[in-house]
Amino acid sequence: MAGFKMREPKKFNHKYIFVDERKEKLDKIVENAKRDLGMLPPKESSYEERIRGAFVGENSHLDRKRNSASRISSRFAVAALFVCAFVLYYIMKTVYGLI
């Protein structure tokens, strides 16, 4: 049945050429440290920082996706059920001689 499998399109992954992420992180750490020490005035929050993540709680599909790590997967639950059934069968057969 491999002939009927739908292929997914190639993902877009744009990598910047002239960006040094390490330097940007270090600059941000230095700037935050200077603000904590009082060498720089407090930073005003930009509109991007204020609205980032504001709509995630309103959308149920995004909320479910974020909390899905805390739930037990259905495959694990089925496997645990089969293991419990096998252990129960083994105990009933050996100890009680019922089955």
PDB file of N, CA and C in Angstrom:
ATOM      1  N   MET A   1       0.797  -1.184   0.000  1.00  0.00           N
ATOM      2  CA  MET A   1       0.000   0.000   0.000  1.00  0.00           C
ATOM      3  C   MET A   1       0.852   1.266   0.000  1.00  0.00           C
ATOM      4  N   ALA A   2       2.127   1.126  -0.211  1.00  0.00           N
ATOM      5  CA  ALA A   2       3.010   2.285  -0.202  1.00  0.00           C
ATOM      6  C   ALA A   2       2.777   3.172  -1.416  1.00  0.00           C
ATOM      7  N   GLY A   3       2.157   2.650  -2.464  1.00  0.00           N
ATOM      8  CA  GLY A   3       1.921   3.437  -3.664  1.00  0.00           C
ATOM      9  C   GLY A   3       0.881   4.532  -3.483  1.00  0.00           C
ATOM     10  N   PHE A   4       0.036   4.413  -2.452  1.00  0.00           N
ATOM     11  CA  PHE A   4      -1.025   5.388  -2.241  1.00  0.00           C
ATOM     12  C   PHE A   4      -0.686   6.404  -1.160  1.00  0.00           C
ATOM     13  N   LYS A   5       0.514   6.390  -0.675  1.00  0.00           N
ATOM     14  CA  LYS A   5       0.902   7.306   0.387  1.00  0.00           C
ATOM     15  C   LYS A   5       1.118   8.709  -0.188  1.00  0.00           C
ATOM     16  N   MET A   6       0.526   9.689   0.466  1.00  0.00           N
ATOM     17  CA  MET A   6       0.664  11.074   0.030  1.00  0.00           C
ATOM     18  C   MET A   6       1.977  11.644   0.555  1.00  0.00           C
ATOM     19  N   ARG A   7       2.732  12.277  -0.308  1.00  0.00           N
ATOM     20  CA  ARG A   7       3.988  12.889   0.104  1.00  0.00           C
ATOM     21  C   ARG A   7       3.740  14.291   0.616  1.00  0.00           C
ATOM     22  N   GLU A   8       4.477  14.670   1.647  1.00  0.00           N
ATOM     23  CA  GLU A   8       4.370  16.018   2.185  1.00  0.00           C
ATOM     24  C   GLU A   8       5.298  16.941   1.408  1.00  0.00           C
ATOM     25  N   PRO A   9       4.889  18.184   1.238  1.00  0.00           N
ATOM     26  CA  PRO A   9       5.775  19.122   0.548  1.00  0.00           C
ATOM     27  C   PRO A   9       6.998  19.441   1.393  1.00  0.00           C
ATOM     28  N   LYS A  10       8.049  19.848   0.727  1.00  0.00           N
ATOM     29  CA  LYS A  10       9.294  20.173   1.408  1.00  0.00           C
ATOM     30  C   LYS A  10       9.096  21.412   2.275  1.00  0.00           C
ATOM     31  N   LYS A  11       9.596  21.353   3.498  1.00  0.00           N
ATOM     32  CA  LYS A  11       9.445  22.457   4.443  1.00  0.00           C
ATOM     33  C   LYS A  11      10.360  23.611   4.055  1.00  0.00           C
ATOM     34  N   PHE A  12       9.898  24.819   4.332  1.00  0.00           N
ATOM     35  CA  PHE A  12      10.686  26.012   4.067  1.00  0.00           C
ATOM     36  C   PHE A  12      11.529  26.309   5.290  1.00  0.00           C
ATOM     37  N   ASN A  13      12.842  26.387   5.114  1.00  0.00           N
ATOM     38  CA  ASN A  13      13.752  26.654   6.221  1.00  0.00           C
ATOM     39  C   ASN A  13      14.738  27.718   5.762  1.00  0.00           C
ATOM     40  N   HIS A  14      14.444  28.962   6.133  1.00  0.00           N
ATOM     41  CA  HIS A  14      15.297  30.068   5.718  1.00  0.00           C
ATOM     42  C   HIS A  14      16.323  30.352   6.805  1.00  0.00           C
ATOM     43  N   LYS A  15      17.587  30.293   6.467  1.00  0.00           N
ATOM     44  CA  LYS A  15      18.658  30.588   7.418  1.00  0.00           C
ATOM     45  C   LYS A  15      19.354  31.871   6.975  1.00  0.00           C
ATOM     46  N   TYR A  16      19.477  32.784   7.915  1.00  0.00           N
ATOM     47  CA  TYR A  16      20.128  34.042   7.604  1.00  0.00           C
ATOM     48  C   TYR A  16      21.633  33.828   7.454  1.00  0.00           C
ATOM     49  N   ILE A  17      22.233  34.525   6.526  1.00  0.00           N
ATOM     50  CA  ILE A  17      23.656  34.366   6.253  1.00  0.00           C
ATOM     51  C   ILE A  17      24.488  35.293   7.120  1.00  0.00           C
ATOM     52  N   PHE A  18      24.054  36.516   7.282  1.00  0.00           N
ATOM     53  CA  PHE A  18      24.862  37.532   7.933  1.00  0.00           C
ATOM     54  C   PHE A  18      24.432  37.821   9.368  1.00  0.00           C
ATOM     55  N   VAL A  19      23.929  36.847  10.077  1.00  0.00           N
ATOM     56  CA  VAL A  19      23.466  37.044  11.449  1.00  0.00           C
ATOM     57  C   VAL A  19      24.315  36.181  12.383  1.00  0.00           C
ATOM     58  N   ASP A  20      24.812  36.801  13.438  1.00  0.00           N
ATOM     59  CA  ASP A  20      25.565  36.081  14.463  1.00  0.00           C
ATOM     60  C   ASP A  20      24.677  35.986  15.700  1.00  0.00           C
ATOM     61  N   GLU A  21      24.016  34.840  15.872  1.00  0.00           N
ATOM     62  CA  GLU A  21      23.071  34.666  16.967  1.00  0.00           C
ATOM     63  C   GLU A  21      23.766  34.732  18.321  1.00  0.00           C
ATOM     64  N   ARG A  22      24.960  34.211  18.399  1.00  0.00           N
ATOM     65  CA  ARG A  22      25.703  34.218  19.660  1.00  0.00           C
ATOM     66  C   ARG A  22      25.984  35.658  20.109  1.00  0.00           C
ATOM     67  N   LYS A  23      26.383  36.493  19.159  1.00  0.00           N
ATOM     68  CA  LYS A  23      26.674  37.888  19.474  1.00  0.00           C
ATOM     69  C   LYS A  23      25.410  38.625  19.911  1.00  0.00           C
ATOM     70  N   GLU A  24      24.277  38.350  19.246  1.00  0.00           N
ATOM     71  CA  GLU A  24      23.020  38.980  19.625  1.00  0.00           C
ATOM     72  C   GLU A  24      22.600  38.577  21.033  1.00  0.00           C
ATOM     73  N   LYS A  25      22.764  37.308  21.387  1.00  0.00           N
ATOM     74  CA  LYS A  25      22.421  36.852  22.736  1.00  0.00           C
ATOM     75  C   LYS A  25      23.312  37.523  23.776  1.00  0.00           C
ATOM     76  N   LEU A  26      24.604  37.613  23.484  1.00  0.00           N
ATOM     77  CA  LEU A  26      25.522  38.257  24.422  1.00  0.00           C
ATOM     78  C   LEU A  26      25.197  39.738  24.589  1.00  0.00           C
ATOM     79  N   ASP A  27      24.881  40.416  23.501  1.00  0.00           N
ATOM     80  CA  ASP A  27      24.510  41.827  23.578  1.00  0.00           C
ATOM     81  C   ASP A  27      23.240  42.018  24.404  1.00  0.00           C
ATOM     82  N   LYS A  28      22.286  41.107  24.245  1.00  0.00           N
ATOM     83  CA  LYS A  28      21.049  41.198  25.007  1.00  0.00           C
ATOM     84  C   LYS A  28      21.303  40.973  26.495  1.00  0.00           C
ATOM     85  N   ILE A  29      22.185  40.026  26.833  1.00  0.00           N
ATOM     86  CA  ILE A  29      22.528  39.769  28.230  1.00  0.00           C
ATOM     87  C   ILE A  29      23.213  40.980  28.849  1.00  0.00           C
ATOM     88  N   VAL A  30      24.151  41.584  28.101  1.00  0.00           N
ATOM     89  CA  VAL A  30      24.859  42.764  28.605  1.00  0.00           C
ATOM     90  C   VAL A  30      23.884  43.921  28.800  1.00  0.00           C
ATOM     91  N   GLU A  31      22.982  44.123  27.856  1.00  0.00           N
ATOM     92  CA  GLU A  31      22.008  45.203  27.961  1.00  0.00           C
ATOM     93  C   GLU A  31      21.088  44.999  29.163  1.00  0.00           C
ATOM     94  N   ASN A  32      20.624  43.763  29.390  1.00  0.00           N
ATOM     95  CA  ASN A  32      19.766  43.482  30.543  1.00  0.00           C
ATOM     96  C   ASN A  32      20.520  43.693  31.850  1.00  0.00           C
ATOM     97  N   ALA A  33      21.800  43.323  31.891  1.00  0.00           N
ATOM     98  CA  ALA A  33      22.602  43.523  33.100  1.00  0.00           C
ATOM     99  C   ALA A  33      22.787  45.017  33.387  1.00  0.00           C
ATOM    100  N   LYS A  34      23.029  45.801  32.345  1.00  0.00           N
ATOM    101  CA  LYS A  34      23.182  47.242  32.538  1.00  0.00           C
ATOM    102  C   LYS A  34      21.876  47.875  33.021  1.00  0.00           C
ATOM    103  N   ARG A  35      20.750  47.388  32.506  1.00  0.00           N
ATOM    104  CA  ARG A  35      19.455  47.906  32.960  1.00  0.00           C
ATOM    105  C   ARG A  35      19.221  47.552  34.428  1.00  0.00           C
ATOM    106  N   ASP A  36      19.623  46.342  34.838  1.00  0.00           N
ATOM    107  CA  ASP A  36      19.457  45.935  36.234  1.00  0.00           C
ATOM    108  C   ASP A  36      20.326  46.773  37.172  1.00  0.00           C
ATOM    109  N   LEU A  37      21.492  47.164  36.692  1.00  0.00           N
ATOM    110  CA  LEU A  37      22.391  47.967  37.521  1.00  0.00           C
ATOM    111  C   LEU A  37      22.038  49.447  37.513  1.00  0.00           C
ATOM    112  N   GLY A  38      21.148  49.846  36.645  1.00  0.00           N
ATOM    113  CA  GLY A  38      20.728  51.240  36.591  1.00  0.00           C
ATOM    114  C   GLY A  38      21.554  52.091  35.654  1.00  0.00           C
ATOM    115  N   MET A  39      22.391  51.502  34.835  1.00  0.00           N
ATOM    116  CA  MET A  39      23.219  52.265  33.903  1.00  0.00           C
ATOM    117  C   MET A  39      22.414  52.719  32.683  1.00  0.00           C
ATOM    118  N   LEU A  40      21.341  52.015  32.378  1.00  0.00           N
ATOM    119  CA  LEU A  40      20.476  52.371  31.259  1.00  0.00           C
ATOM    120  C   LEU A  40      19.056  52.577  31.779  1.00  0.00           C
ATOM    121  N   PRO A  41      18.271  53.435  31.111  1.00  0.00           N
ATOM    122  CA  PRO A  41      16.879  53.602  31.554  1.00  0.00           C
ATOM    123  C   PRO A  41      16.071  52.335  31.263  1.00  0.00           C
ATOM    124  N   PRO A  42      14.961  52.138  31.984  1.00  0.00           N
ATOM    125  CA  PRO A  42      14.129  50.948  31.743  1.00  0.00           C
ATOM    126  C   PRO A  42      13.628  50.917  30.304  1.00  0.00           C
ATOM    127  N   LYS A  43      13.566  49.741  29.760  1.00  0.00           N
ATOM    128  CA  LYS A  43      13.157  49.567  28.373  1.00  0.00           C
ATOM    129  C   LYS A  43      11.629  49.542  28.281  1.00  0.00           C
ATOM    130  N   GLU A  44      11.102  50.289  27.332  1.00  0.00           N
ATOM    131  CA  GLU A  44       9.671  50.259  27.096  1.00  0.00           C
ATOM    132  C   GLU A  44       9.354  49.039  26.246  1.00  0.00           C
ATOM    133  N   SER A  45       8.280  48.333  26.620  1.00  0.00           N
ATOM    134  CA  SER A  45       7.943  47.125  25.872  1.00  0.00           C
ATOM    135  C   SER A  45       7.373  47.508  24.512  1.00  0.00           C
ATOM    136  N   SER A  46       7.807  46.801  23.507  1.00  0.00           N
ATOM    137  CA  SER A  46       7.315  47.068  22.162  1.00  0.00           C
ATOM    138  C   SER A  46       5.985  46.352  21.956  1.00  0.00           C
ATOM    139  N   TYR A  47       5.295  46.702  20.905  1.00  0.00           N
ATOM    140  CA  TYR A  47       4.008  46.077  20.642  1.00  0.00           C
ATOM    141  C   TYR A  47       4.177  44.589  20.338  1.00  0.00           C
ATOM    142  N   GLU A  48       5.310  44.198  19.763  1.00  0.00           N
ATOM    143  CA  GLU A  48       5.535  42.791  19.460  1.00  0.00           C
ATOM    144  C   GLU A  48       5.633  41.962  20.728  1.00  0.00           C
ATOM    145  N   GLU A  49       6.315  42.482  21.747  1.00  0.00           N
ATOM    146  CA  GLU A  49       6.440  41.748  22.994  1.00  0.00           C
ATOM    147  C   GLU A  49       5.114  41.667  23.739  1.00  0.00           C
ATOM    148  N   ARG A  50       4.279  42.704  23.594  1.00  0.00           N
ATOM    149  CA  ARG A  50       3.001  42.708  24.305  1.00  0.00           C
ATOM    150  C   ARG A  50       2.010  41.722  23.704  1.00  0.00           C
ATOM    151  N   ILE A  51       2.019  41.544  22.382  1.00  0.00           N
ATOM    152  CA  ILE A  51       1.019  40.664  21.775  1.00  0.00           C
ATOM    153  C   ILE A  51       1.531  39.243  21.549  1.00  0.00           C
ATOM    154  N   ARG A  52       2.807  38.986  21.791  1.00  0.00           N
ATOM    155  CA  ARG A  52       3.354  37.645  21.565  1.00  0.00           C
ATOM    156  C   ARG A  52       2.688  36.652  22.512  1.00  0.00           C
ATOM    157  N   GLY A  53       2.042  35.650  21.969  1.00  0.00           N
ATOM    158  CA  GLY A  53       1.390  34.614  22.761  1.00  0.00           C
ATOM    159  C   GLY A  53       0.045  35.012  23.333  1.00  0.00           C
ATOM    160  N   ALA A  54      -0.479  36.175  22.978  1.00  0.00           N
ATOM    161  CA  ALA A  54      -1.748  36.630  23.544  1.00  0.00           C
ATOM    162  C   ALA A  54      -2.925  35.819  23.023  1.00  0.00           C
ATOM    163  N   PHE A  55      -2.833  35.267  21.829  1.00  0.00           N
ATOM    164  CA  PHE A  55      -3.959  34.569  21.238  1.00  0.00           C
ATOM    165  C   PHE A  55      -3.895  33.054  21.425  1.00  0.00           C
ATOM    166  N   VAL A  56      -2.849  32.560  22.029  1.00  0.00           N
ATOM    167  CA  VAL A  56      -2.698  31.108  22.180  1.00  0.00           C
ATOM    168  C   VAL A  56      -3.757  30.555  23.108  1.00  0.00           C
ATOM    169  N   GLY A  57      -4.060  31.252  24.200  1.00  0.00           N
ATOM    170  CA  GLY A  57      -5.055  30.768  25.144  1.00  0.00           C
ATOM    171  C   GLY A  57      -6.465  30.789  24.594  1.00  0.00           C
ATOM    172  N   GLU A  58      -6.718  31.626  23.616  1.00  0.00           N
ATOM    173  CA  GLU A  58      -8.053  31.746  23.048  1.00  0.00           C
ATOM    174  C   GLU A  58      -8.368  30.646  22.043  1.00  0.00           C
ATOM    175  N   ASN A  59      -7.354  30.049  21.445  1.00  0.00           N
ATOM    176  CA  ASN A  59      -7.566  29.020  20.436  1.00  0.00           C
ATOM    177  C   ASN A  59      -7.418  27.650  21.080  1.00  0.00           C
ATOM    178  N   SER A  60      -8.476  26.861  21.035  1.00  0.00           N
ATOM    179  CA  SER A  60      -8.466  25.572  21.723  1.00  0.00           C
ATOM    180  C   SER A  60      -7.484  24.598  21.082  1.00  0.00           C
ATOM    181  N   HIS A  61      -7.318  24.649  19.753  1.00  0.00           N
ATOM    182  CA  HIS A  61      -6.408  23.697  19.125  1.00  0.00           C
ATOM    183  C   HIS A  61      -4.957  23.996  19.503  1.00  0.00           C
ATOM    184  N   LEU A  62      -4.597  25.267  19.718  1.00  0.00           N
ATOM    185  CA  LEU A  62      -3.241  25.593  20.152  1.00  0.00           C
ATOM    186  C   LEU A  62      -3.040  25.224  21.608  1.00  0.00           C
ATOM    187  N   ASP A  63      -4.071  25.391  22.413  1.00  0.00           N
ATOM    188  CA  ASP A  63      -3.981  25.043  23.827  1.00  0.00           C
ATOM    189  C   ASP A  63      -3.828  23.536  23.994  1.00  0.00           C
ATOM    190  N   ARG A  64      -4.571  22.753  23.203  1.00  0.00           N
ATOM    191  CA  ARG A  64      -4.449  21.295  23.270  1.00  0.00           C
ATOM    192  C   ARG A  64      -3.063  20.846  22.846  1.00  0.00           C
ATOM    193  N   LYS A  65      -2.515  21.483  21.826  1.00  0.00           N
ATOM    194  CA  LYS A  65      -1.198  21.111  21.343  1.00  0.00           C
ATOM    195  C   LYS A  65      -0.132  21.392  22.391  1.00  0.00           C
ATOM    196  N   ARG A  66      -0.283  22.486  23.117  1.00  0.00           N
ATOM    197  CA  ARG A  66       0.694  22.839  24.134  1.00  0.00           C
ATOM    198  C   ARG A  66       0.615  21.890  25.323  1.00  0.00           C
ATOM    199  N   ASN A  67      -0.581  21.432  25.689  1.00  0.00           N
ATOM    200  CA  ASN A  67      -0.758  20.560  26.838  1.00  0.00           C
ATOM    201  C   ASN A  67      -0.710  19.081  26.482  1.00  0.00           C
ATOM    202  N   SER A  68      -0.448  18.730  25.248  1.00  0.00           N
ATOM    203  CA  SER A  68      -0.468  17.330  24.845  1.00  0.00           C
ATOM    204  C   SER A  68       0.680  16.537  25.455  1.00  0.00           C
ATOM    205  N   ALA A  69       1.747  17.197  25.856  1.00  0.00           N
ATOM    206  CA  ALA A  69       2.875  16.485  26.449  1.00  0.00           C
ATOM    207  C   ALA A  69       2.512  15.909  27.804  1.00  0.00           C
ATOM    208  N   SER A  70       1.554  16.503  28.497  1.00  0.00           N
ATOM    209  CA  SER A  70       1.191  16.028  29.825  1.00  0.00           C
ATOM    210  C   SER A  70       0.255  14.825  29.764  1.00  0.00           C
ATOM    211  N   ARG A  71      -0.406  14.613  28.639  1.00  0.00           N
ATOM    212  CA  ARG A  71      -1.328  13.490  28.519  1.00  0.00           C
ATOM    213  C   ARG A  71      -0.595  12.212  28.122  1.00  0.00           C
ATOM    214  N   ILE A  72      -1.146  11.070  28.505  1.00  0.00           N
ATOM    215  CA  ILE A  72      -0.569   9.781  28.138  1.00  0.00           C
ATOM    216  C   ILE A  72      -1.009   9.459  26.717  1.00  0.00           C
ATOM    217  N   SER A  73      -0.076   8.981  25.915  1.00  0.00           N
ATOM    218  CA  SER A  73      -0.425   8.655  24.539  1.00  0.00           C
ATOM    219  C   SER A  73      -1.309   7.420  24.511  1.00  0.00           C
ATOM    220  N   SER A  74      -2.133   7.323  23.496  1.00  0.00           N
ATOM    221  CA  SER A  74      -3.066   6.206  23.400  1.00  0.00           C
ATOM    222  C   SER A  74      -2.325   4.891  23.157  1.00  0.00           C
ATOM    223  N   ARG A  75      -1.235   4.917  22.434  1.00  0.00           N
ATOM    224  CA  ARG A  75      -0.464   3.692  22.214  1.00  0.00           C
ATOM    225  C   ARG A  75       0.093   3.147  23.513  1.00  0.00           C
ATOM    226  N   PHE A  76       0.592   4.045  24.363  1.00  0.00           N
ATOM    227  CA  PHE A  76       1.122   3.615  25.655  1.00  0.00           C
ATOM    228  C   PHE A  76       0.013   3.043  26.522  1.00  0.00           C
ATOM    229  N   ALA A  77      -1.162   3.647  26.496  1.00  0.00           N
ATOM    230  CA  ALA A  77      -2.282   3.163  27.296  1.00  0.00           C
ATOM    231  C   ALA A  77      -2.726   1.781  26.838  1.00  0.00           C
ATOM    232  N   VAL A  78      -2.786   1.548  25.529  1.00  0.00           N
ATOM    233  CA  VAL A  78      -3.177   0.237  25.006  1.00  0.00           C
ATOM    234  C   VAL A  78      -2.135  -0.811  25.368  1.00  0.00           C
ATOM    235  N   ALA A  79      -0.860  -0.465  25.246  1.00  0.00           N
ATOM    236  CA  ALA A  79       0.200  -1.409  25.598  1.00  0.00           C
ATOM    237  C   ALA A  79       0.147  -1.743  27.092  1.00  0.00           C
ATOM    238  N   ALA A  80      -0.098  -0.754  27.933  1.00  0.00           N
ATOM    239  CA  ALA A  80      -0.196  -1.007  29.380  1.00  0.00           C
ATOM    240  C   ALA A  80      -1.395  -1.884  29.687  1.00  0.00           C
ATOM    241  N   LEU A  81      -2.492  -1.712  28.972  1.00  0.00           N
ATOM    242  CA  LEU A  81      -3.683  -2.543  29.166  1.00  0.00           C
ATOM    243  C   LEU A  81      -3.386  -3.991  28.807  1.00  0.00           C
ATOM    244  N   PHE A  82      -2.677  -4.220  27.698  1.00  0.00           N
ATOM    245  CA  PHE A  82      -2.328  -5.587  27.317  1.00  0.00           C
ATOM    246  C   PHE A  82      -1.379  -6.230  28.329  1.00  0.00           C
ATOM    247  N   VAL A  83      -0.446  -5.489  28.846  1.00  0.00           N
ATOM    248  CA  VAL A  83       0.474  -6.021  29.853  1.00  0.00           C
ATOM    249  C   VAL A  83      -0.293  -6.393  31.118  1.00  0.00           C
ATOM    250  N   CYS A  84      -1.203  -5.547  31.544  1.00  0.00           N
ATOM    251  CA  CYS A  84      -2.003  -5.851  32.739  1.00  0.00           C
ATOM    252  C   CYS A  84      -2.875  -7.084  32.519  1.00  0.00           C
ATOM    253  N   ALA A  85      -3.460  -7.196  31.331  1.00  0.00           N
ATOM    254  CA  ALA A  85      -4.284  -8.370  31.025  1.00  0.00           C
ATOM    255  C   ALA A  85      -3.440  -9.639  31.034  1.00  0.00           C
ATOM    256  N   PHE A  86      -2.254  -9.570  30.481  1.00  0.00           N
ATOM    257  CA  PHE A  86      -1.376 -10.742  30.469  1.00  0.00           C
ATOM    258  C   PHE A  86      -0.968 -11.140  31.882  1.00  0.00           C
ATOM    259  N   VAL A  87      -0.630 -10.168  32.718  1.00  0.00           N
ATOM    260  CA  VAL A  87      -0.248 -10.460  34.106  1.00  0.00           C
ATOM    261  C   VAL A  87      -1.428 -11.071  34.857  1.00  0.00           C
ATOM    262  N   LEU A  88      -2.630 -10.554  34.673  1.00  0.00           N
ATOM    263  CA  LEU A  88      -3.822 -11.097  35.311  1.00  0.00           C
ATOM    264  C   LEU A  88      -4.087 -12.524  34.840  1.00  0.00           C
ATOM    265  N   TYR A  89      -3.953 -12.781  33.554  1.00  0.00           N
ATOM    266  CA  TYR A  89      -4.122 -14.124  33.004  1.00  0.00           C
ATOM    267  C   TYR A  89      -3.109 -15.088  33.616  1.00  0.00           C
ATOM    268  N   TYR A  90      -1.860 -14.661  33.707  1.00  0.00           N
ATOM    269  CA  TYR A  90      -0.802 -15.509  34.269  1.00  0.00           C
ATOM    270  C   TYR A  90      -1.072 -15.830  35.736  1.00  0.00           C
ATOM    271  N   ILE A  91      -1.497 -14.829  36.495  1.00  0.00           N
ATOM    272  CA  ILE A  91      -1.783 -15.059  37.930  1.00  0.00           C
ATOM    273  C   ILE A  91      -2.967 -16.012  38.090  1.00  0.00           C
ATOM    274  N   MET A  92      -4.017 -15.818  37.318  1.00  0.00           N
ATOM    275  CA  MET A  92      -5.179 -16.696  37.431  1.00  0.00           C
ATOM    276  C   MET A  92      -4.849 -18.111  37.015  1.00  0.00           C
ATOM    277  N   LYS A  93      -3.970 -18.286  36.047  1.00  0.00           N
ATOM    278  CA  LYS A  93      -3.637 -19.628  35.562  1.00  0.00           C
ATOM    279  C   LYS A  93      -2.745 -20.352  36.542  1.00  0.00           C
ATOM    280  N   THR A  94      -1.729 -19.675  37.075  1.00  0.00           N
ATOM    281  CA  THR A  94      -0.765 -20.355  37.938  1.00  0.00           C
ATOM    282  C   THR A  94      -1.252 -20.491  39.382  1.00  0.00           C
ATOM    283  N   VAL A  95      -1.791 -19.420  39.940  1.00  0.00           N
ATOM    284  CA  VAL A  95      -2.142 -19.429  41.349  1.00  0.00           C
ATOM    285  C   VAL A  95      -3.484 -20.127  41.584  1.00  0.00           C
ATOM    286  N   TYR A  96      -4.484 -19.767  40.841  1.00  0.00           N
ATOM    287  CA  TYR A  96      -5.826 -20.285  41.086  1.00  0.00           C
ATOM    288  C   TYR A  96      -6.178 -21.477  40.203  1.00  0.00           C
ATOM    289  N   GLY A  97      -5.472 -21.643  39.115  1.00  0.00           N
ATOM    290  CA  GLY A  97      -5.730 -22.760  38.205  1.00  0.00           C
ATOM    291  C   GLY A  97      -7.108 -22.681  37.551  1.00  0.00           C
ATOM    292  N   LEU A  98      -7.597 -21.505  37.323  1.00  0.00           N
ATOM    293  CA  LEU A  98      -8.928 -21.322  36.774  1.00  0.00           C
ATOM    294  C   LEU A  98      -8.989 -21.504  35.271  1.00  0.00           C
ATOM    295  N   ILE A  99      -8.139 -20.896  34.566  1.00  0.00           N
ATOM    296  CA  ILE A  99      -8.264 -20.886  33.098  1.00  0.00           C
ATOM    297  C   ILE A  99      -7.536 -22.030  32.470  1.00  0.00           C
TER     298      ILE A  99
END
